[in-house]
Amino acid sequence: MRLELIEKALEKVPDRELLVNLAARRAKELANNSHPMVAVDAKERTRYLDIALREIAEGLIGYESVEDEESVSS
């Protein structure tokens, strides 16, 4: 994994733990034959996690924050 990919992804998802979970889930989808949303050079072996981080850094993968029911109803 390249450090610059992580830094760019952190600009979109500033919470490191959330970024780890988001990237891991997307990498798992890619491993299960999901198509990448970024251009991938077929000649070089790009890791699924690197692809996921690129997608996050480019704003193609995002997240929604869901609040607890207790805090919403209060």
PDB file of N, CA and C in Angstrom:
ATOM      1  N   MET A   1       0.837  -1.178   0.000  1.00  0.00           N
ATOM      2  CA  MET A   1       0.000   0.000   0.000  1.00  0.00           C
ATOM      3  C   MET A   1       0.881   1.239   0.000  1.00  0.00           C
ATOM      4  N   ARG A   2       0.516   2.157  -0.789  1.00  0.00           N
ATOM      5  CA  ARG A   2       1.294   3.391  -0.843  1.00  0.00           C
ATOM      6  C   ARG A   2       0.763   4.391   0.161  1.00  0.00           C
ATOM      7  N   LEU A   3       1.699   5.080   0.799  1.00  0.00           N
ATOM      8  CA  LEU A   3       1.331   6.055   1.822  1.00  0.00           C
ATOM      9  C   LEU A   3       0.504   7.189   1.233  1.00  0.00           C
ATOM     10  N   GLU A   4       0.808   7.602   0.003  1.00  0.00           N
ATOM     11  CA  GLU A   4       0.056   8.707  -0.588  1.00  0.00           C
ATOM     12  C   GLU A   4      -1.407   8.326  -0.834  1.00  0.00           C
ATOM     13  N   LEU A   5      -1.674   7.057  -1.129  1.00  0.00           N
ATOM     14  CA  LEU A   5      -3.065   6.614  -1.282  1.00  0.00           C
ATOM     15  C   LEU A   5      -3.821   6.744   0.030  1.00  0.00           C
ATOM     16  N   ILE A   6      -3.175   6.352   1.104  1.00  0.00           N
ATOM     17  CA  ILE A   6      -3.808   6.436   2.421  1.00  0.00           C
ATOM     18  C   ILE A   6      -4.066   7.889   2.787  1.00  0.00           C
ATOM     19  N   GLU A   7      -3.090   8.752   2.535  1.00  0.00           N
ATOM     20  CA  GLU A   7      -3.251  10.172   2.866  1.00  0.00           C
ATOM     21  C   GLU A   7      -4.390  10.803   2.073  1.00  0.00           C
ATOM     22  N   LYS A   8      -4.486  10.481   0.792  1.00  0.00           N
ATOM     23  CA  LYS A   8      -5.573  11.020  -0.033  1.00  0.00           C
ATOM     24  C   LYS A   8      -6.929  10.485   0.418  1.00  0.00           C
ATOM     25  N   ALA A   9      -6.974   9.212   0.770  1.00  0.00           N
ATOM     26  CA  ALA A   9      -8.226   8.623   1.245  1.00  0.00           C
ATOM     27  C   ALA A   9      -8.643   9.236   2.579  1.00  0.00           C
ATOM     28  N   LEU A  10      -7.665   9.569   3.425  1.00  0.00           N
ATOM     29  CA  LEU A  10      -7.975  10.190   4.718  1.00  0.00           C
ATOM     30  C   LEU A  10      -8.572  11.583   4.552  1.00  0.00           C
ATOM     31  N   GLU A  11      -8.322  12.230   3.423  1.00  0.00           N
ATOM     32  CA  GLU A  11      -8.947  13.527   3.157  1.00  0.00           C
ATOM     33  C   GLU A  11     -10.457  13.358   2.955  1.00  0.00           C
ATOM     34  N   LYS A  12     -10.864  12.227   2.413  1.00  0.00           N
ATOM     35  CA  LYS A  12     -12.288  11.950   2.178  1.00  0.00           C
ATOM     36  C   LYS A  12     -12.954  11.320   3.401  1.00  0.00           C
ATOM     37  N   VAL A  13     -12.202  10.468   4.105  1.00  0.00           N
ATOM     38  CA  VAL A  13     -12.715   9.776   5.295  1.00  0.00           C
ATOM     39  C   VAL A  13     -11.706  10.014   6.415  1.00  0.00           C
ATOM     40  N   PRO A  14     -11.872  11.078   7.195  1.00  0.00           N
ATOM     41  CA  PRO A  14     -10.856  11.454   8.178  1.00  0.00           C
ATOM     42  C   PRO A  14     -10.719  10.510   9.375  1.00  0.00           C
ATOM     43  N   ASP A  15     -11.692   9.675   9.632  1.00  0.00           N
ATOM     44  CA  ASP A  15     -11.627   8.722  10.743  1.00  0.00           C
ATOM     45  C   ASP A  15     -10.871   7.476  10.273  1.00  0.00           C
ATOM     46  N   ARG A  16      -9.700   7.230  10.851  1.00  0.00           N
ATOM     47  CA  ARG A  16      -8.859   6.109  10.413  1.00  0.00           C
ATOM     48  C   ARG A  16      -9.562   4.755  10.541  1.00  0.00           C
ATOM     49  N   GLU A  17     -10.257   4.537  11.643  1.00  0.00           N
ATOM     50  CA  GLU A  17     -10.945   3.256  11.831  1.00  0.00           C
ATOM     51  C   GLU A  17     -12.041   3.058  10.788  1.00  0.00           C
ATOM     52  N   LEU A  18     -12.762   4.111  10.492  1.00  0.00           N
ATOM     53  CA  LEU A  18     -13.802   4.038   9.470  1.00  0.00           C
ATOM     54  C   LEU A  18     -13.181   3.776   8.100  1.00  0.00           C
ATOM     55  N   LEU A  19     -12.067   4.431   7.820  1.00  0.00           N
ATOM     56  CA  LEU A  19     -11.376   4.220   6.544  1.00  0.00           C
ATOM     57  C   LEU A  19     -10.932   2.768   6.400  1.00  0.00           C
ATOM     58  N   VAL A  20     -10.381   2.199   7.458  1.00  0.00           N
ATOM     59  CA  VAL A  20      -9.939   0.802   7.423  1.00  0.00           C
ATOM     60  C   VAL A  20     -11.117  -0.118   7.106  1.00  0.00           C
ATOM     61  N   ASN A  21     -12.232   0.085   7.799  1.00  0.00           N
ATOM     62  CA  ASN A  21     -13.409  -0.761   7.572  1.00  0.00           C
ATOM     63  C   ASN A  21     -13.975  -0.591   6.167  1.00  0.00           C
ATOM     64  N   LEU A  22     -14.052   0.643   5.705  1.00  0.00           N
ATOM     65  CA  LEU A  22     -14.585   0.925   4.377  1.00  0.00           C
ATOM     66  C   LEU A  22     -13.704   0.306   3.290  1.00  0.00           C
ATOM     67  N   ALA A  23     -12.398   0.488   3.409  1.00  0.00           N
ATOM     68  CA  ALA A  23     -11.469  -0.059   2.416  1.00  0.00           C
ATOM     69  C   ALA A  23     -11.471  -1.587   2.444  1.00  0.00           C
ATOM     70  N   ALA A  24     -11.536  -2.171   3.620  1.00  0.00           N
ATOM     71  CA  ALA A  24     -11.545  -3.633   3.728  1.00  0.00           C
ATOM     72  C   ALA A  24     -12.804  -4.227   3.106  1.00  0.00           C
ATOM     73  N   ARG A  25     -13.945  -3.594   3.355  1.00  0.00           N
ATOM     74  CA  ARG A  25     -15.195  -4.088   2.764  1.00  0.00           C
ATOM     75  C   ARG A  25     -15.159  -3.999   1.241  1.00  0.00           C
ATOM     76  N   ARG A  26     -14.655  -2.876   0.740  1.00  0.00           N
ATOM     77  CA  ARG A  26     -14.589  -2.714  -0.716  1.00  0.00           C
ATOM     78  C   ARG A  26     -13.587  -3.690  -1.324  1.00  0.00           C
ATOM     79  N   ALA A  27     -12.456  -3.905  -0.659  1.00  0.00           N
ATOM     80  CA  ALA A  27     -11.463  -4.858  -1.156  1.00  0.00           C
ATOM     81  C   ALA A  27     -12.059  -6.267  -1.212  1.00  0.00           C
ATOM     82  N   LYS A  28     -12.874  -6.608  -0.231  1.00  0.00           N
ATOM     83  CA  LYS A  28     -13.532  -7.915  -0.226  1.00  0.00           C
ATOM     84  C   LYS A  28     -14.504  -8.029  -1.396  1.00  0.00           C
ATOM     85  N   GLU A  29     -15.241  -6.954  -1.684  1.00  0.00           N
ATOM     86  CA  GLU A  29     -16.141  -6.957  -2.844  1.00  0.00           C
ATOM     87  C   GLU A  29     -15.355  -7.168  -4.134  1.00  0.00           C
ATOM     88  N   LEU A  30     -14.219  -6.488  -4.248  1.00  0.00           N
ATOM     89  CA  LEU A  30     -13.388  -6.632  -5.443  1.00  0.00           C
ATOM     90  C   LEU A  30     -12.857  -8.058  -5.570  1.00  0.00           C
ATOM     91  N   ALA A  31     -12.490  -8.655  -4.454  1.00  0.00           N
ATOM     92  CA  ALA A  31     -11.999 -10.034  -4.460  1.00  0.00           C
ATOM     93  C   ALA A  31     -13.095 -11.011  -4.883  1.00  0.00           C
ATOM     94  N   ASN A  32     -14.340 -10.623  -4.649  1.00  0.00           N
ATOM     95  CA  ASN A  32     -15.484 -11.456  -5.033  1.00  0.00           C
ATOM     96  C   ASN A  32     -16.041 -11.056  -6.396  1.00  0.00           C
ATOM     97  N   ASN A  33     -15.163 -10.574  -7.277  1.00  0.00           N
ATOM     98  CA  ASN A  33     -15.471 -10.275  -8.681  1.00  0.00           C
ATOM     99  C   ASN A  33     -16.296  -9.028  -8.930  1.00  0.00           C
ATOM    100  N   SER A  34     -16.308  -8.080  -8.011  1.00  0.00           N
ATOM    101  CA  SER A  34     -16.922  -6.785  -8.278  1.00  0.00           C
ATOM    102  C   SER A  34     -15.985  -6.008  -9.204  1.00  0.00           C
ATOM    103  N   HIS A  35     -16.540  -5.203 -10.075  1.00  0.00           N
ATOM    104  CA  HIS A  35     -15.715  -4.462 -11.029  1.00  0.00           C
ATOM    105  C   HIS A  35     -15.169  -3.185 -10.395  1.00  0.00           C
ATOM    106  N   PRO A  36     -13.884  -2.894 -10.616  1.00  0.00           N
ATOM    107  CA  PRO A  36     -13.300  -1.650 -10.092  1.00  0.00           C
ATOM    108  C   PRO A  36     -13.935  -0.430 -10.744  1.00  0.00           C
ATOM    109  N   MET A  37     -14.036   0.657  -9.991  1.00  0.00           N
ATOM    110  CA  MET A  37     -14.581   1.912 -10.506  1.00  0.00           C
ATOM    111  C   MET A  37     -13.481   2.849 -10.982  1.00  0.00           C
ATOM    112  N   VAL A  38     -12.242   2.400 -10.927  1.00  0.00           N
ATOM    113  CA  VAL A  38     -11.107   3.169 -11.420  1.00  0.00           C
ATOM    114  C   VAL A  38     -10.382   2.319 -12.457  1.00  0.00           C
ATOM    115  N   ALA A  39      -9.628   2.987 -13.306  1.00  0.00           N
ATOM    116  CA  ALA A  39      -8.867   2.261 -14.315  1.00  0.00           C
ATOM    117  C   ALA A  39      -7.744   1.472 -13.648  1.00  0.00           C
ATOM    118  N   VAL A  40      -7.646   0.201 -14.023  1.00  0.00           N
ATOM    119  CA  VAL A  40      -6.613  -0.677 -13.478  1.00  0.00           C
ATOM    120  C   VAL A  40      -5.828  -1.242 -14.649  1.00  0.00           C
ATOM    121  N   ASP A  41      -4.515  -1.103 -14.595  1.00  0.00           N
ATOM    122  CA  ASP A  41      -3.652  -1.620 -15.649  1.00  0.00           C
ATOM    123  C   ASP A  41      -3.579  -3.140 -15.520  1.00  0.00           C
ATOM    124  N   ALA A  42      -4.008  -3.839 -16.550  1.00  0.00           N
ATOM    125  CA  ALA A  42      -4.028  -5.300 -16.510  1.00  0.00           C
ATOM    126  C   ALA A  42      -2.625  -5.895 -16.459  1.00  0.00           C
ATOM    127  N   LYS A  43      -1.635  -5.130 -16.896  1.00  0.00           N
ATOM    128  CA  LYS A  43      -0.263  -5.639 -16.914  1.00  0.00           C
ATOM    129  C   LYS A  43       0.364  -5.691 -15.527  1.00  0.00           C
ATOM    130  N   GLU A  44      -0.034  -4.782 -14.660  1.00  0.00           N
ATOM    131  CA  GLU A  44       0.536  -4.791 -13.313  1.00  0.00           C
ATOM    132  C   GLU A  44      -0.464  -5.381 -12.329  1.00  0.00           C
ATOM    133  N   ARG A  45       0.055  -6.052 -11.336  1.00  0.00           N
ATOM    134  CA  ARG A  45      -0.814  -6.658 -10.316  1.00  0.00           C
ATOM    135  C   ARG A  45      -1.106  -5.625  -9.246  1.00  0.00           C
ATOM    136  N   THR A  46      -2.300  -5.100  -9.270  1.00  0.00           N
ATOM    137  CA  THR A  46      -2.715  -4.104  -8.291  1.00  0.00           C
ATOM    138  C   THR A  46      -3.518  -4.808  -7.210  1.00  0.00           C
ATOM    139  N   ARG A  47      -3.169  -4.539  -5.965  1.00  0.00           N
ATOM    140  CA  ARG A  47      -3.889  -5.154  -4.852  1.00  0.00           C
ATOM    141  C   ARG A  47      -5.303  -4.593  -4.758  1.00  0.00           C
ATOM    142  N   TYR A  48      -6.200  -5.438  -4.300  1.00  0.00           N
ATOM    143  CA  TYR A  48      -7.580  -4.999  -4.124  1.00  0.00           C
ATOM    144  C   TYR A  48      -7.666  -3.833  -3.145  1.00  0.00           C
ATOM    145  N   LEU A  49      -6.856  -3.869  -2.106  1.00  0.00           N
ATOM    146  CA  LEU A  49      -6.890  -2.794  -1.122  1.00  0.00           C
ATOM    147  C   LEU A  49      -6.424  -1.473  -1.729  1.00  0.00           C
ATOM    148  N   ASP A  50      -5.418  -1.519  -2.596  1.00  0.00           N
ATOM    149  CA  ASP A  50      -4.964  -0.300  -3.275  1.00  0.00           C
ATOM    150  C   ASP A  50      -6.060   0.256  -4.186  1.00  0.00           C
ATOM    151  N   ILE A  51      -6.761  -0.630  -4.869  1.00  0.00           N
ATOM    152  CA  ILE A  51      -7.864  -0.191  -5.727  1.00  0.00           C
ATOM    153  C   ILE A  51      -8.950   0.455  -4.879  1.00  0.00           C
ATOM    154  N   ALA A  52      -9.288  -0.178  -3.757  1.00  0.00           N
ATOM    155  CA  ALA A  52     -10.314   0.366  -2.860  1.00  0.00           C
ATOM    156  C   ALA A  52      -9.908   1.740  -2.341  1.00  0.00           C
ATOM    157  N   LEU A  53      -8.652   1.898  -1.951  1.00  0.00           N
ATOM    158  CA  LEU A  53      -8.179   3.197  -1.460  1.00  0.00           C
ATOM    159  C   LEU A  53      -8.233   4.257  -2.556  1.00  0.00           C
ATOM    160  N   ARG A  54      -7.893   3.880  -3.788  1.00  0.00           N
ATOM    161  CA  ARG A  54      -7.995   4.830  -4.905  1.00  0.00           C
ATOM    162  C   ARG A  54      -9.439   5.251  -5.130  1.00  0.00           C
ATOM    163  N   GLU A  55     -10.358   4.303  -5.054  1.00  0.00           N
ATOM    164  CA  GLU A  55     -11.774   4.623  -5.233  1.00  0.00           C
ATOM    165  C   GLU A  55     -12.255   5.576  -4.144  1.00  0.00           C
ATOM    166  N   ILE A  56     -11.823   5.348  -2.920  1.00  0.00           N
ATOM    167  CA  ILE A  56     -12.200   6.230  -1.812  1.00  0.00           C
ATOM    168  C   ILE A  56     -11.580   7.606  -2.005  1.00  0.00           C
ATOM    169  N   ALA A  57     -10.299   7.655  -2.351  1.00  0.00           N
ATOM    170  CA  ALA A  57      -9.590   8.923  -2.532  1.00  0.00           C
ATOM    171  C   ALA A  57     -10.205   9.758  -3.650  1.00  0.00           C
ATOM    172  N   GLU A  58     -10.726   9.104  -4.668  1.00  0.00           N
ATOM    173  CA  GLU A  58     -11.342   9.814  -5.789  1.00  0.00           C
ATOM    174  C   GLU A  58     -12.817  10.124  -5.542  1.00  0.00           C
ATOM    175  N   GLY A  59     -13.318   9.767  -4.371  1.00  0.00           N
ATOM    176  CA  GLY A  59     -14.697  10.084  -4.022  1.00  0.00           C
ATOM    177  C   GLY A  59     -15.734   9.166  -4.644  1.00  0.00           C
ATOM    178  N   LEU A  60     -15.310   8.025  -5.144  1.00  0.00           N
ATOM    179  CA  LEU A  60     -16.235   7.088  -5.778  1.00  0.00           C
ATOM    180  C   LEU A  60     -16.906   6.164  -4.767  1.00  0.00           C
ATOM    181  N   ILE A  61     -16.283   6.008  -3.622  1.00  0.00           N
ATOM    182  CA  ILE A  61     -16.824   5.192  -2.535  1.00  0.00           C
ATOM    183  C   ILE A  61     -16.987   6.110  -1.339  1.00  0.00           C
ATOM    184  N   GLY A  62     -18.139   6.078  -0.730  1.00  0.00           N
ATOM    185  CA  GLY A  62     -18.389   6.929   0.426  1.00  0.00           C
ATOM    186  C   GLY A  62     -19.085   6.157   1.524  1.00  0.00           C
ATOM    187  N   TYR A  63     -19.601   6.896   2.475  1.00  0.00           N
ATOM    188  CA  TYR A  63     -20.286   6.273   3.598  1.00  0.00           C
ATOM    189  C   TYR A  63     -21.344   7.224   4.124  1.00  0.00           C
ATOM    190  N   GLU A  64     -22.277   6.669   4.853  1.00  0.00           N
ATOM    191  CA  GLU A  64     -23.301   7.461   5.530  1.00  0.00           C
ATOM    192  C   GLU A  64     -23.187   7.187   7.012  1.00  0.00           C
ATOM    193  N   SER A  65     -23.289   8.222   7.795  1.00  0.00           N
ATOM    194  CA  SER A  65     -23.251   8.075   9.239  1.00  0.00           C
ATOM    195  C   SER A  65     -24.664   7.801   9.733  1.00  0.00           C
ATOM    196  N   VAL A  66     -24.814   6.745  10.489  1.00  0.00           N
ATOM    197  CA  VAL A  66     -26.113   6.380  11.042  1.00  0.00           C
ATOM    198  C   VAL A  66     -26.049   6.582  12.545  1.00  0.00           C
ATOM    199  N   GLU A  67     -26.972   7.388  13.051  1.00  0.00           N
ATOM    200  CA  GLU A  67     -26.995   7.658  14.483  1.00  0.00           C
ATOM    201  C   GLU A  67     -27.772   6.574  15.205  1.00  0.00           C
ATOM    202  N   ASP A  68     -27.494   6.426  16.499  1.00  0.00           N
ATOM    203  CA  ASP A  68     -28.251   5.484  17.323  1.00  0.00           C
ATOM    204  C   ASP A  68     -29.695   5.943  17.415  1.00  0.00           C
ATOM    205  N   GLU A  69     -30.609   4.998  17.538  1.00  0.00           N
ATOM    206  CA  GLU A  69     -32.027   5.339  17.658  1.00  0.00           C
ATOM    207  C   GLU A  69     -32.288   6.186  18.896  1.00  0.00           C
ATOM    208  N   GLU A  70     -31.566   5.910  19.988  1.00  0.00           N
ATOM    209  CA  GLU A  70     -31.766   6.660  21.221  1.00  0.00           C
ATOM    210  C   GLU A  70     -31.438   8.134  21.038  1.00  0.00           C
ATOM    211  N   SER A  71     -30.336   8.422  20.350  1.00  0.00           N
ATOM    212  CA  SER A  71     -29.946   9.819  20.181  1.00  0.00           C
ATOM    213  C   SER A  71     -30.854  10.545  19.189  1.00  0.00           C
ATOM    214  N   VAL A  72     -31.446   9.818  18.246  1.00  0.00           N
ATOM    215  CA  VAL A  72     -32.345  10.432  17.274  1.00  0.00           C
ATOM    216  C   VAL A  72     -33.680  10.767  17.923  1.00  0.00           C
ATOM    217  N   SER A  73     -34.199   9.873  18.753  1.00  0.00           N
ATOM    218  CA  SER A  73     -35.512  10.088  19.348  1.00  0.00           C
ATOM    219  C   SER A  73     -35.486  11.042  20.535  1.00  0.00           C
ATOM    220  N   SER A  74     -34.315  11.341  21.075  1.00  0.00           N
ATOM    221  CA  SER A  74     -34.230  12.251  22.231  1.00  0.00           C
ATOM    222  C   SER A  74     -34.399  13.685  21.829  1.00  0.00           C
TER     223      SER A  74
END
